[in-house]
Amino acid sequence: MLTRLSIRDIVLIDRLDLDFTGGLTVLTGETGAGKSILLDSLSLALGARGDAGLVREGCERGQVSAVFDVGAAHPVLERLAENGIDTDGDLILRRVQSGDGRSKAFINDQPVSVGLLKEVGAALVEIHGQHADRALIDPAVHRELVDAFGGLSPQLRTVRAAWHARRQAERALADHRGRIEAARREADYLRSAVDELVALEPMPGEETELAEKRQQIMQVEKVAGDLSEAHAELDGQASPIPSLSSLMRRLARKAETAPELLQAPADAIGHALDHLEEARTALEEALAKTEFDPKVLEQTEERLFALRAAGRKYQVQVDDLAALRDRMAADLADLDAGEEKLARLEQDVEEAVATYRAAAQSLSEARAETARTLEAAVGAELPALKLERASFEIQIDRENDQGGPDGIDQIEFWVRTNPGTRPGPMMKVASGGELSRFLLALKVSLAGRGSAPTLVFDEIDSGVGGAVSEAIGMRLARLAETVQVLTVTHAPQVAARASGHMLIAKEPLSSEMVATRVRLIDGDHRLEEIARMLSGATITDEARAAASKLMAATHA
């Protein structure tokens, strides 16, 4: 509920802090005292459209803060948590309106969009009056109110789950049909591509392996030429080995005659020949290892180039050719087996639609029964509100073919103000005063179900007599047993039933400036205000006596 309203520099209000309690609180005062300004300020904090004209003359900006005590189970807390707003403790909605027309919105001192502020405000407060925005007028919420009145939330959840399952089945069918149609359009291309890729048999990582193998073969081919030249130098006609061997033999034969001269050279030449032989043997072994079949290089290059050509053709990486082949094959398989799968998916859709329709039909029947009960409850309230010749009707139109997540019903509240006239939507048929009384009867019948925790009524007793005002006061008091009710009233019969009474008046600040003041009154001050409401500007002893009697009767 609303616990505090703080207003700074809004129209005639310079500084105002009001504390509220539960039950029924009335706001009274003479015409022009500033009651509408108070409601405009509250509306601004709840997300209503800003207006530079609301800023007090001579001020750069105005500000309104509304503090709420919100129950732990209220759904608005989940919405705030989704937006990362801390919800521990009180909930504070604040709006800053600048004189240049711009405004800023805050929830718990965190900047938010005006849209979110308005959404949260609508969940916390409903304002009803002859010229205010009224939640109950909007047909979009009528179905929600019927469901709340009948306790139909479990059935509604079943319908929503069935709708979700139906939509999933329909999307699966549509997706499969789309794939089949696309496959049919490209069937020849797909079959040709799959045949080519199946014959090619690409493997992930094969391109890298082939490129490395090709590089190795080309390196070996280059080295083999150098090895062959070296071997030819040692083993061909120009080889020094035969000449050195012949020279060593001649030196060895003559070494006996002059060993001190010839033995060392002969030994050195022998060692050289040994090293040359080792080199020739090593070259022969290396050449043996470099032997390769030129066809291997040719085959490797052909395979590598074929893979790369396929990658360019199908505009994918070579390593992705295998996955592309499998995907194309799957598309063909879908086409080939499509009719069977299509029939299965169509059956799934039929079953999901049947499940949804059964759940929606059951909910629709429950809504129809609930609607009759609500009609009777509202109708029982109308005679005392001077609407005894009027009737309240709930129109239910069924969309059996389609429906939606909330079922197959379109629900709207209609009224008939006089016998013999045609019923129609409340907003179009009822006058301002009648509309307010219809809304009050509806709110009392709902008794807190499907309602915001705080209800504000702006002069709903305007233009009615004492008996009707008495009936309105009784119903506001009854409504205040389940939700917090604030009402601006000129009817003493309504004011006498309040648990809290606030008096609104203008106070001069100077010869050229006034300010709106609000104070909580009780006892003799309250008696005096109700007497003023009964008699007018001049308060007589008779008016005081009547006010005392009225207050005693309403609290008996």
Protein backbone atom coordinates (compact mmCIF):
# COMPACT_ATOMS: atom_id res chain seq x y z
CA MET A 1 0.00 0.00 0.00
CA LEU A 2 0.94 3.67 -0.30
CA THR A 3 2.61 4.79 2.93
CA ARG A 4 4.02 8.21 2.08
CA LEU A 5 3.68 10.87 -0.61
CA SER A 6 6.24 13.68 -0.81
CA ILE A 7 5.72 16.61 -3.19
CA ARG A 8 8.10 19.46 -3.93
CA ASP A 9 7.30 22.50 -6.12
CA ILE A 10 4.34 21.15 -8.07
CA VAL A 11 1.81 23.85 -9.11
CA LEU A 12 0.49 25.27 -5.79
CA ILE A 13 2.38 22.82 -3.60
CA ASP A 14 5.76 24.02 -2.39
CA ARG A 15 6.51 21.31 0.14
CA LEU A 16 4.20 18.52 1.27
CA ASP A 17 4.77 15.21 3.06
CA LEU A 18 1.77 12.95 3.67
CA ASP A 19 1.71 9.66 5.56
CA PHE A 20 -1.02 7.13 4.77
CA THR A 21 -2.38 4.08 6.55
CA GLY A 22 -4.62 1.24 5.44
CA GLY A 23 -8.39 1.38 5.31
CA LEU A 24 -10.43 4.24 3.87
CA THR A 25 -8.83 7.71 3.74
CA VAL A 26 -10.85 10.67 2.46
CA LEU A 27 -9.49 13.97 1.15
CA THR A 28 -11.86 16.89 1.43
CA GLY A 29 -11.70 20.64 0.98
CA GLU A 30 -13.33 23.50 -0.83
CA THR A 31 -13.35 23.64 -4.59
CA GLY A 32 -10.02 24.90 -5.92
CA ALA A 33 -8.10 24.00 -2.77
CA GLY A 34 -5.81 21.69 -4.69
CA LYS A 35 -7.32 18.19 -4.55
CA SER A 36 -6.77 17.62 -8.26
CA ILE A 37 -3.16 18.82 -7.93
CA LEU A 38 -2.60 16.16 -5.28
CA LEU A 39 -3.88 13.43 -7.60
CA ASP A 40 -1.91 14.85 -10.55
CA SER A 41 1.22 14.67 -8.41
CA LEU A 42 0.54 11.07 -7.46
CA SER A 43 -0.13 10.22 -11.11
CA LEU A 44 3.19 11.81 -12.07
CA ALA A 45 5.04 9.55 -9.60
CA LEU A 46 3.19 6.57 -11.07
CA GLY A 47 4.42 7.27 -14.61
CA ALA A 48 1.80 9.61 -16.07
CA ARG A 49 2.83 11.91 -18.88
CA GLY A 50 5.01 14.79 -17.67
CA ASP A 51 4.18 18.42 -18.26
CA ALA A 52 6.31 21.51 -17.73
CA GLY A 53 3.14 23.28 -16.53
CA LEU A 54 3.22 21.16 -13.36
CA VAL A 55 6.37 22.90 -12.10
CA ARG A 56 5.66 25.59 -9.51
CA GLU A 57 6.04 29.16 -10.76
CA GLY A 58 9.60 30.42 -10.30
CA CYS A 59 11.11 26.93 -9.81
CA GLU A 60 13.40 25.04 -12.17
CA ARG A 61 11.96 21.64 -11.37
CA GLY A 62 9.39 19.79 -9.29
CA GLN A 63 9.60 16.37 -7.69
CA VAL A 64 7.20 13.72 -6.40
CA SER A 65 8.10 10.59 -4.42
CA ALA A 66 5.65 7.80 -3.54
CA VAL A 67 6.66 5.19 -0.97
CA PHE A 68 4.98 1.77 -0.93
CA ASP A 69 4.97 -1.15 1.45
CA VAL A 70 4.79 -4.09 -0.96
CA GLY A 71 4.08 -7.66 0.12
CA ALA A 72 6.79 -10.24 -0.53
CA ALA A 73 4.56 -12.14 -2.97
CA HIS A 74 3.59 -9.15 -5.14
CA PRO A 75 4.43 -9.92 -8.82
CA VAL A 76 5.88 -6.43 -9.34
CA LEU A 77 8.97 -7.47 -7.34
CA GLU A 78 9.84 -10.12 -9.92
CA ARG A 79 9.54 -7.53 -12.69
CA LEU A 80 11.88 -5.19 -10.82
CA ALA A 81 14.37 -8.00 -10.21
CA GLU A 82 14.44 -8.65 -13.97
CA ASN A 83 15.62 -5.05 -14.36
CA GLY A 84 18.30 -5.39 -11.66
CA ILE A 85 16.51 -3.14 -9.15
CA ASP A 86 17.04 -3.84 -5.45
CA THR A 87 13.68 -4.53 -3.78
CA ASP A 88 14.69 -4.88 -0.15
CA GLY A 89 12.57 -2.72 2.15
CA ASP A 90 10.14 -0.08 0.90
CA LEU A 91 9.56 0.57 -2.78
CA ILE A 92 10.11 4.21 -3.75
CA LEU A 93 8.85 5.64 -7.05
CA ARG A 94 10.24 9.10 -7.81
CA ARG A 95 9.70 11.50 -10.69
CA VAL A 96 11.57 14.74 -11.36
CA GLN A 97 9.83 17.18 -13.72
CA SER A 98 11.89 20.02 -15.19
CA GLY A 99 10.51 23.34 -16.29
CA ASP A 100 11.80 22.72 -19.83
CA GLY A 101 9.47 19.73 -20.20
CA ARG A 102 11.99 16.97 -19.60
CA SER A 103 11.47 14.48 -16.79
CA LYS A 104 13.42 11.71 -15.08
CA ALA A 105 12.12 8.54 -13.43
CA PHE A 106 13.62 6.57 -10.56
CA ILE A 107 12.75 3.41 -8.67
CA ASN A 108 14.61 2.96 -5.39
CA ASP A 109 16.93 5.76 -6.56
CA GLN A 110 17.90 3.82 -9.69
CA PRO A 111 17.20 5.59 -13.03
CA VAL A 112 14.52 3.79 -15.08
CA SER A 113 12.45 4.46 -18.16
CA VAL A 114 9.11 6.20 -17.75
CA GLY A 115 7.58 3.11 -19.36
CA LEU A 116 8.84 0.85 -16.57
CA LEU A 117 7.74 3.39 -13.94
CA LYS A 118 4.26 3.43 -15.47
CA GLU A 119 4.12 -0.38 -15.56
CA VAL A 120 5.12 -0.64 -11.90
CA GLY A 121 2.80 2.21 -10.91
CA ALA A 122 -0.18 0.53 -12.58
CA ALA A 123 0.49 -2.63 -10.57
CA LEU A 124 0.51 -0.67 -7.31
CA VAL A 125 -2.25 1.94 -7.72
CA GLU A 126 -5.49 2.23 -9.67
CA ILE A 127 -6.99 5.70 -10.07
CA HIS A 128 -10.71 5.86 -10.86
CA GLY A 129 -12.62 9.01 -11.56
CA GLN A 130 -14.80 10.77 -14.06
CA HIS A 131 -11.88 12.17 -16.03
CA ALA A 132 -8.93 9.99 -15.00
CA ASP A 133 -7.41 7.01 -16.75
CA ARG A 134 -9.26 3.96 -15.46
CA ALA A 135 -7.82 0.49 -15.59
CA LEU A 136 -11.24 -1.17 -15.52
CA ILE A 137 -12.29 0.63 -18.70
CA ASP A 138 -9.61 -1.10 -20.76
CA PRO A 139 -11.07 -4.30 -22.31
CA ALA A 140 -7.58 -5.77 -22.27
CA VAL A 141 -7.86 -6.32 -18.51
CA HIS A 142 -11.48 -7.52 -18.41
CA ARG A 143 -10.47 -11.11 -19.12
CA GLU A 144 -7.86 -10.93 -16.36
CA LEU A 145 -10.49 -9.69 -13.90
CA VAL A 146 -12.89 -12.51 -14.76
CA ASP A 147 -10.09 -15.04 -14.30
CA ALA A 148 -9.12 -13.47 -10.97
CA PHE A 149 -12.73 -13.43 -9.75
CA GLY A 150 -13.20 -17.10 -10.64
CA GLY A 151 -9.79 -18.27 -9.40
CA LEU A 152 -9.04 -19.61 -12.87
CA SER A 153 -5.25 -19.18 -12.77
CA PRO A 154 -4.53 -22.97 -12.75
CA GLN A 155 -6.66 -23.51 -15.85
CA LEU A 156 -5.09 -20.49 -17.51
CA ARG A 157 -1.61 -21.92 -16.89
CA THR A 158 -2.73 -25.19 -18.49
CA VAL A 159 -3.99 -23.31 -21.54
CA ARG A 160 -0.77 -21.33 -21.86
CA ALA A 161 1.33 -24.51 -21.63
CA ALA A 162 -0.86 -26.15 -24.30
CA TRP A 163 -0.53 -23.05 -26.49
CA HIS A 164 3.25 -23.12 -26.14
CA ALA A 165 3.35 -26.83 -27.08
CA ARG A 166 1.09 -26.14 -30.05
CA ARG A 167 3.29 -23.32 -31.28
CA GLN A 168 6.40 -25.51 -30.95
CA ALA A 169 4.75 -28.28 -32.97
CA GLU A 170 3.62 -25.81 -35.63
CA ARG A 171 7.12 -24.29 -35.87
CA ALA A 172 8.69 -27.77 -36.20
CA LEU A 173 6.25 -28.57 -39.02
CA ALA A 174 6.88 -25.25 -40.77
CA ASP A 175 10.67 -25.69 -40.48
CA HIS A 176 10.50 -29.20 -41.94
CA ARG A 177 8.28 -28.08 -44.78
CA GLY A 178 10.72 -25.28 -45.51
CA ARG A 179 13.66 -27.71 -45.64
CA ILE A 180 11.77 -30.07 -47.93
CA GLU A 181 10.82 -27.25 -50.31
CA ALA A 182 14.39 -25.95 -50.36
CA ALA A 183 15.70 -29.48 -50.95
CA ARG A 184 13.24 -30.02 -53.79
CA ARG A 185 14.34 -26.81 -55.48
CA GLU A 186 17.99 -27.87 -55.25
CA ALA A 187 17.55 -31.63 -55.54
CA ASP A 188 19.53 -32.04 -58.78
CA TYR A 189 22.32 -29.82 -57.52
CA LEU A 190 22.40 -31.66 -54.18
CA ARG A 191 22.55 -35.10 -55.76
CA SER A 192 25.35 -34.02 -58.11
CA ALA A 193 27.28 -32.42 -55.27
CA VAL A 194 26.83 -35.39 -52.94
CA ASP A 195 27.92 -37.82 -55.68
CA GLU A 196 31.02 -35.73 -56.34
CA LEU A 197 31.92 -35.42 -52.67
CA VAL A 198 31.23 -39.08 -51.95
CA ALA A 199 33.58 -40.03 -54.81
CA LEU A 200 36.16 -37.54 -53.56
CA GLU A 201 35.90 -38.87 -49.98
CA PRO A 202 37.40 -35.80 -48.27
CA MET A 203 38.71 -36.28 -44.75
CA PRO A 204 39.22 -33.58 -42.12
CA GLY A 205 42.94 -32.74 -41.87
CA GLU A 206 43.76 -34.41 -45.19
CA GLU A 207 44.78 -31.16 -46.89
CA THR A 208 47.46 -30.50 -44.27
CA GLU A 209 48.82 -34.04 -44.53
CA LEU A 210 48.99 -33.91 -48.34
CA ALA A 211 50.66 -30.50 -48.35
CA GLU A 212 53.31 -31.69 -45.90
CA LYS A 213 53.90 -34.87 -47.90
CA ARG A 214 54.24 -32.90 -51.13
CA GLN A 215 56.72 -30.53 -49.50
CA GLN A 216 58.79 -33.43 -48.21
CA ILE A 217 58.93 -35.13 -51.63
CA MET A 218 59.98 -31.90 -53.31
CA GLN A 219 62.72 -31.37 -50.72
CA VAL A 220 64.00 -34.96 -51.22
CA GLU A 221 64.06 -34.49 -54.99
CA LYS A 222 66.16 -31.37 -54.63
CA VAL A 223 68.68 -33.02 -52.20
CA ALA A 224 68.96 -36.15 -54.34
CA GLY A 225 70.49 -34.11 -57.17
CA ASP A 226 73.25 -32.80 -54.92
CA LEU A 227 73.94 -36.29 -53.55
CA SER A 228 74.14 -37.71 -57.06
CA GLU A 229 76.68 -35.07 -58.13
CA ALA A 230 78.82 -35.78 -55.08
CA HIS A 231 78.69 -39.52 -55.72
CA ALA A 232 79.67 -39.03 -59.35
CA GLU A 233 82.76 -37.08 -58.23
CA LEU A 234 83.89 -40.01 -56.08
CA ASP A 235 82.80 -42.94 -58.24
CA GLY A 236 82.92 -41.63 -61.81
CA GLN A 237 85.69 -41.21 -64.38
CA ALA A 238 86.95 -38.10 -62.61
CA SER A 239 87.19 -39.91 -59.28
CA PRO A 240 90.61 -39.41 -57.56
CA ILE A 241 90.41 -42.82 -55.89
CA PRO A 242 92.07 -44.90 -58.71
CA SER A 243 94.93 -42.42 -59.09
CA LEU A 244 95.52 -42.22 -55.37
CA SER A 245 95.41 -46.03 -55.07
CA SER A 246 98.05 -46.40 -57.83
CA LEU A 247 100.25 -43.73 -56.22
CA MET A 248 100.02 -45.39 -52.81
CA ARG A 249 101.09 -48.76 -54.29
CA ARG A 250 104.17 -47.23 -55.92
CA LEU A 251 105.14 -45.52 -52.69
CA ALA A 252 104.61 -48.74 -50.73
CA ARG A 253 106.99 -50.68 -53.09
CA LYS A 254 109.70 -48.13 -52.67
CA ALA A 255 109.15 -47.53 -48.97
CA GLU A 256 111.63 -50.28 -48.07
CA THR A 257 114.45 -48.39 -49.72
CA ALA A 258 113.75 -45.09 -47.97
CA PRO A 259 111.21 -45.70 -45.21
CA GLU A 260 112.04 -42.51 -43.36
CA LEU A 261 110.89 -40.56 -46.42
CA LEU A 262 108.10 -42.59 -47.97
CA GLN A 263 106.31 -44.41 -45.17
CA ALA A 264 104.52 -41.38 -43.73
CA PRO A 265 103.18 -40.10 -47.09
CA ALA A 266 102.09 -43.62 -48.04
CA ASP A 267 100.19 -43.96 -44.74
CA ALA A 268 98.53 -40.54 -45.19
CA ILE A 269 97.40 -41.39 -48.71
CA GLY A 270 96.02 -44.68 -47.36
CA HIS A 271 93.98 -42.88 -44.73
CA ALA A 272 92.69 -40.49 -47.36
CA LEU A 273 91.59 -43.39 -49.51
CA ASP A 274 89.81 -44.95 -46.53
CA HIS A 275 87.87 -41.69 -45.91
CA LEU A 276 87.03 -41.34 -49.56
CA GLU A 277 85.66 -44.90 -49.57
CA GLU A 278 83.60 -44.13 -46.48
CA ALA A 279 82.26 -41.00 -48.15
CA ARG A 280 81.36 -42.93 -51.30
CA THR A 281 79.57 -45.58 -49.22
CA ALA A 282 77.66 -42.91 -47.27
CA LEU A 283 76.61 -41.19 -50.47
CA GLU A 284 75.40 -44.48 -51.93
CA GLU A 285 73.35 -45.14 -48.80
CA ALA A 286 71.87 -41.62 -48.84
CA LEU A 287 71.03 -41.95 -52.53
CA ALA A 288 69.27 -45.21 -51.79
CA LYS A 289 67.11 -43.45 -49.24
CA THR A 290 66.15 -40.67 -51.60
CA GLU A 291 64.84 -42.97 -54.23
CA PHE A 292 61.09 -42.22 -54.83
CA ASP A 293 58.51 -42.91 -57.44
CA PRO A 294 57.70 -39.71 -59.35
CA LYS A 295 54.15 -41.02 -59.62
CA VAL A 296 53.78 -40.59 -55.84
CA LEU A 297 54.41 -36.84 -56.16
CA GLU A 298 52.07 -36.68 -59.11
CA GLN A 299 49.32 -38.54 -57.23
CA THR A 300 49.81 -36.42 -54.13
CA GLU A 301 49.54 -33.20 -56.09
CA GLU A 302 46.50 -34.42 -58.02
CA ARG A 303 44.70 -35.29 -54.76
CA LEU A 304 45.67 -32.03 -53.08
CA PHE A 305 44.63 -29.91 -56.04
CA ALA A 306 41.34 -31.82 -56.42
CA LEU A 307 40.44 -31.14 -52.76
CA ARG A 308 41.30 -27.46 -53.07
CA ALA A 309 39.29 -27.15 -56.28
CA ALA A 310 36.26 -28.69 -54.52
CA GLY A 311 36.67 -26.25 -51.63
CA ARG A 312 36.65 -23.30 -54.04
CA LYS A 313 33.69 -24.73 -55.92
CA TYR A 314 31.53 -25.14 -52.83
CA GLN A 315 32.96 -22.07 -51.09
CA VAL A 316 34.08 -23.86 -47.93
CA GLN A 317 37.38 -24.73 -46.32
CA VAL A 318 38.82 -28.06 -47.50
CA ASP A 319 38.48 -29.44 -43.96
CA ASP A 320 34.74 -28.62 -44.09
CA LEU A 321 34.05 -30.61 -47.25
CA ALA A 322 33.20 -33.77 -45.31
CA ALA A 323 30.70 -31.90 -43.12
CA LEU A 324 29.21 -30.27 -46.21
CA ARG A 325 28.81 -33.67 -47.83
CA ASP A 326 27.06 -35.03 -44.74
CA ARG A 327 24.78 -31.98 -44.52
CA MET A 328 23.80 -32.21 -48.17
CA ALA A 329 23.21 -35.93 -47.79
CA ALA A 330 20.97 -35.23 -44.79
CA ASP A 331 18.98 -32.72 -46.84
CA LEU A 332 18.51 -35.34 -49.52
CA ALA A 333 17.54 -37.87 -46.89
CA ASP A 334 14.97 -35.39 -45.57
CA LEU A 335 13.61 -35.08 -49.06
CA ASP A 336 13.55 -38.81 -49.60
CA ALA A 337 12.03 -39.52 -46.18
CA GLY A 338 10.24 -36.19 -46.00
CA GLU A 339 6.71 -37.39 -46.60
CA GLU A 340 6.90 -39.86 -43.74
CA LYS A 341 8.34 -37.30 -41.33
CA LEU A 342 5.95 -34.66 -42.63
CA ALA A 343 2.99 -36.87 -41.84
CA ARG A 344 4.34 -37.50 -38.35
CA LEU A 345 4.80 -33.78 -37.69
CA GLU A 346 1.34 -33.02 -39.04
CA GLN A 347 -0.03 -35.57 -36.60
CA ASP A 348 1.89 -33.89 -33.77
CA VAL A 349 0.32 -30.56 -34.71
CA GLU A 350 -3.17 -32.05 -34.83
CA GLU A 351 -2.71 -33.56 -31.37
CA ALA A 352 -1.28 -30.32 -29.96
CA VAL A 353 -4.14 -28.30 -31.44
CA ALA A 354 -6.68 -30.76 -30.02
CA THR A 355 -5.06 -30.57 -26.57
CA TYR A 356 -5.06 -26.78 -26.70
CA ARG A 357 -8.65 -26.55 -27.88
CA ALA A 358 -9.83 -28.91 -25.13
CA ALA A 359 -8.04 -26.88 -22.46
CA ALA A 360 -9.21 -23.57 -23.95
CA GLN A 361 -12.80 -24.82 -24.21
CA SER A 362 -12.76 -25.93 -20.59
CA LEU A 363 -11.41 -22.54 -19.53
CA SER A 364 -13.98 -20.78 -21.70
CA GLU A 365 -16.82 -22.67 -20.04
CA ALA A 366 -15.44 -21.80 -16.61
CA ARG A 367 -15.20 -18.15 -17.66
CA ALA A 368 -18.81 -18.17 -18.85
CA GLU A 369 -19.97 -19.53 -15.48
CA THR A 370 -17.77 -17.03 -13.63
CA ALA A 371 -19.09 -14.19 -15.79
CA ARG A 372 -22.69 -14.99 -14.81
CA THR A 373 -21.72 -14.99 -11.14
CA LEU A 374 -19.88 -11.68 -11.47
CA GLU A 375 -22.81 -10.16 -13.37
CA ALA A 376 -25.13 -11.11 -10.52
CA ALA A 377 -22.72 -9.73 -7.89
CA VAL A 378 -22.38 -6.38 -9.68
CA GLY A 379 -26.12 -6.26 -10.38
CA ALA A 380 -26.83 -6.65 -6.67
CA GLU A 381 -24.81 -3.50 -5.96
CA LEU A 382 -26.49 -1.29 -8.57
CA PRO A 383 -29.89 -0.46 -6.98
CA ALA A 384 -28.34 1.16 -3.89
CA LEU A 385 -26.13 3.24 -6.19
CA LYS A 386 -29.22 4.68 -7.92
CA LEU A 387 -28.69 2.41 -10.92
CA GLU A 388 -31.67 0.15 -10.24
CA ARG A 389 -32.82 0.36 -13.86
CA ALA A 390 -29.36 -0.40 -15.22
CA SER A 391 -27.71 -3.75 -15.87
CA PHE A 392 -24.16 -5.02 -16.11
CA GLU A 393 -23.26 -7.58 -18.77
CA ILE A 394 -20.10 -9.47 -19.67
CA GLN A 395 -19.74 -10.08 -23.40
CA ILE A 396 -17.72 -13.16 -24.36
CA ASP A 397 -16.72 -13.66 -28.00
CA ARG A 398 -15.01 -16.94 -28.83
CA GLU A 399 -12.29 -17.38 -31.45
CA ASN A 400 -12.61 -21.12 -31.93
CA ASP A 401 -10.32 -21.29 -34.95
CA GLN A 402 -7.24 -19.59 -33.57
CA GLY A 403 -7.21 -18.48 -29.97
CA GLY A 404 -4.05 -17.45 -28.19
CA PRO A 405 -2.02 -18.05 -25.06
CA ASP A 406 -4.90 -16.75 -22.91
CA GLY A 407 -7.53 -18.92 -24.56
CA ILE A 408 -10.25 -18.44 -27.14
CA ASP A 409 -12.23 -15.70 -25.38
CA GLN A 410 -12.45 -11.97 -25.98
CA ILE A 411 -14.14 -10.48 -22.92
CA GLU A 412 -15.54 -6.98 -22.47
CA PHE A 413 -17.70 -5.37 -19.81
CA TRP A 414 -20.92 -3.86 -21.17
CA VAL A 415 -23.71 -1.94 -19.46
CA ARG A 416 -27.32 -1.01 -20.14
CA THR A 417 -28.34 2.20 -18.36
CA ASN A 418 -32.08 2.01 -19.04
CA PRO A 419 -34.54 -0.75 -20.01
CA GLY A 420 -35.19 -0.91 -23.71
CA THR A 421 -31.85 0.62 -24.67
CA ARG A 422 -29.08 -1.25 -26.38
CA PRO A 423 -26.17 -2.39 -24.16
CA GLY A 424 -22.65 -1.36 -25.07
CA PRO A 425 -19.14 -0.90 -23.70
CA MET A 426 -19.09 0.92 -20.34
CA MET A 427 -16.96 3.79 -21.61
CA LYS A 428 -19.32 4.52 -24.51
CA VAL A 429 -22.70 4.02 -22.84
CA ALA A 430 -22.38 5.27 -19.26
CA SER A 431 -22.12 8.93 -18.32
CA GLY A 432 -19.32 10.12 -16.07
CA GLY A 433 -21.26 9.70 -12.83
CA GLU A 434 -22.80 6.42 -13.93
CA LEU A 435 -19.44 5.10 -15.00
CA SER A 436 -17.87 5.82 -11.63
CA ARG A 437 -20.69 4.00 -9.85
CA PHE A 438 -20.45 1.02 -12.20
CA LEU A 439 -16.74 0.85 -11.48
CA LEU A 440 -17.37 1.02 -7.74
CA ALA A 441 -19.92 -1.78 -7.93
CA LEU A 442 -17.47 -3.84 -9.95
CA LYS A 443 -14.62 -3.17 -7.55
CA VAL A 444 -16.72 -4.09 -4.53
CA SER A 445 -17.82 -7.30 -6.24
CA LEU A 446 -14.24 -8.24 -7.05
CA ALA A 447 -13.41 -7.61 -3.35
CA GLY A 448 -9.66 -7.28 -3.84
CA ARG A 449 -9.31 -10.00 -6.46
CA GLY A 450 -7.46 -8.79 -9.55
CA SER A 451 -6.93 -5.40 -7.94
CA ALA A 452 -3.98 -3.18 -7.23
CA PRO A 453 -3.28 -2.89 -3.48
CA THR A 454 -4.20 0.82 -3.51
CA LEU A 455 -7.35 2.27 -5.10
CA VAL A 456 -7.91 5.99 -5.61
CA PHE A 457 -11.40 7.34 -6.38
CA ASP A 458 -11.69 10.92 -7.58
CA GLU A 459 -15.12 12.41 -6.74
CA ILE A 460 -17.11 9.35 -7.76
CA ASP A 461 -19.97 10.75 -5.64
CA SER A 462 -20.18 13.89 -7.77
CA GLY A 463 -23.74 14.81 -8.79
CA VAL A 464 -25.58 12.24 -6.67
CA GLY A 465 -27.93 12.66 -3.75
CA GLY A 466 -27.55 11.83 -0.10
CA ALA A 467 -28.93 8.29 -0.33
CA VAL A 468 -26.57 7.38 -3.15
CA SER A 469 -23.66 9.04 -1.36
CA GLU A 470 -24.47 6.93 1.68
CA ALA A 471 -24.43 3.79 -0.48
CA ILE A 472 -21.12 4.84 -2.04
CA GLY A 473 -19.61 5.44 1.38
CA MET A 474 -20.73 2.03 2.61
CA ARG A 475 -19.17 0.31 -0.38
CA LEU A 476 -15.93 2.24 -0.17
CA ALA A 477 -15.66 1.26 3.47
CA ARG A 478 -16.36 -2.37 2.61
CA LEU A 479 -13.77 -2.25 -0.16
CA ALA A 480 -11.25 -0.76 2.28
CA GLU A 481 -11.43 -3.97 4.32
CA THR A 482 -9.40 -5.75 1.61
CA VAL A 483 -7.36 -2.97 -0.06
CA GLN A 484 -6.21 0.55 0.73
CA VAL A 485 -8.74 3.12 -0.51
CA LEU A 486 -8.16 6.86 -0.99
CA THR A 487 -11.02 9.01 -2.19
CA VAL A 488 -11.52 12.68 -2.96
CA THR A 489 -15.09 13.50 -1.97
CA HIS A 490 -17.58 16.30 -1.44
CA ALA A 491 -20.10 13.97 0.20
CA PRO A 492 -20.31 14.07 4.01
CA GLN A 493 -21.85 10.60 3.98
CA VAL A 494 -18.63 9.28 2.43
CA ALA A 495 -16.32 11.35 4.64
CA ALA A 496 -18.07 10.15 7.79
CA ARG A 497 -17.15 6.54 7.04
CA ALA A 498 -13.41 7.14 6.68
CA SER A 499 -10.79 5.78 9.02
CA GLY A 500 -8.51 8.68 8.04
CA HIS A 501 -9.49 12.21 7.02
CA MET A 502 -7.20 14.73 5.29
CA LEU A 503 -8.24 18.35 4.83
CA ILE A 504 -6.91 20.22 1.80
CA ALA A 505 -6.78 24.00 1.88
CA LYS A 506 -4.95 26.95 0.33
CA GLU A 507 -2.73 29.04 2.59
CA PRO A 508 -1.46 32.51 1.61
CA LEU A 509 2.32 32.84 1.67
CA SER A 510 2.28 36.49 0.62
CA SER A 511 -0.03 38.97 -1.03
CA GLU A 512 0.67 37.37 -4.42
CA MET A 513 1.39 33.73 -3.60
CA VAL A 514 -0.53 30.86 -2.06
CA ALA A 515 0.33 27.22 -1.35
CA THR A 516 -1.74 24.09 -0.90
CA ARG A 517 -1.61 22.56 2.55
CA VAL A 518 -2.89 19.17 3.72
CA ARG A 519 -3.37 18.12 7.32
CA LEU A 520 -4.77 15.07 9.03
CA ILE A 521 -7.83 15.95 11.09
CA ASP A 522 -9.86 14.12 13.72
CA GLY A 523 -12.11 14.86 16.65
CA ASP A 524 -13.68 18.31 16.66
CA HIS A 525 -11.75 19.40 13.57
CA ARG A 526 -13.20 16.52 11.62
CA LEU A 527 -16.69 17.21 12.98
CA GLU A 528 -16.35 20.82 11.86
CA GLU A 529 -15.27 19.79 8.32
CA ILE A 530 -18.16 17.36 7.88
CA ALA A 531 -20.53 20.05 9.18
CA ARG A 532 -19.12 22.43 6.54
CA MET A 533 -19.73 19.77 3.87
CA LEU A 534 -23.34 19.52 5.07
CA SER A 535 -24.18 23.22 5.36
CA GLY A 536 -21.75 25.16 3.18
CA ALA A 537 -19.77 28.27 4.07
CA THR A 538 -21.81 29.06 7.19
CA ILE A 539 -21.59 26.26 9.72
CA THR A 540 -24.64 26.12 11.96
CA ASP A 541 -25.27 24.27 15.18
CA GLU A 542 -27.79 22.17 13.31
CA ALA A 543 -25.09 21.19 10.82
CA ARG A 544 -22.75 20.23 13.66
CA ALA A 545 -25.45 18.13 15.25
CA ALA A 546 -26.19 16.44 11.94
CA ALA A 547 -22.47 15.78 11.39
CA SER A 548 -22.15 14.29 14.88
CA LYS A 549 -25.16 12.07 14.25
CA LEU A 550 -23.82 11.01 10.87
CA MET A 551 -20.40 10.11 12.29
CA ALA A 552 -21.95 8.19 15.16
CA ALA A 553 -24.24 6.25 12.82
CA THR A 554 -21.49 5.25 10.43
CA HIS A 555 -19.26 3.97 13.22
CA ALA A 556 -21.95 2.26 15.23
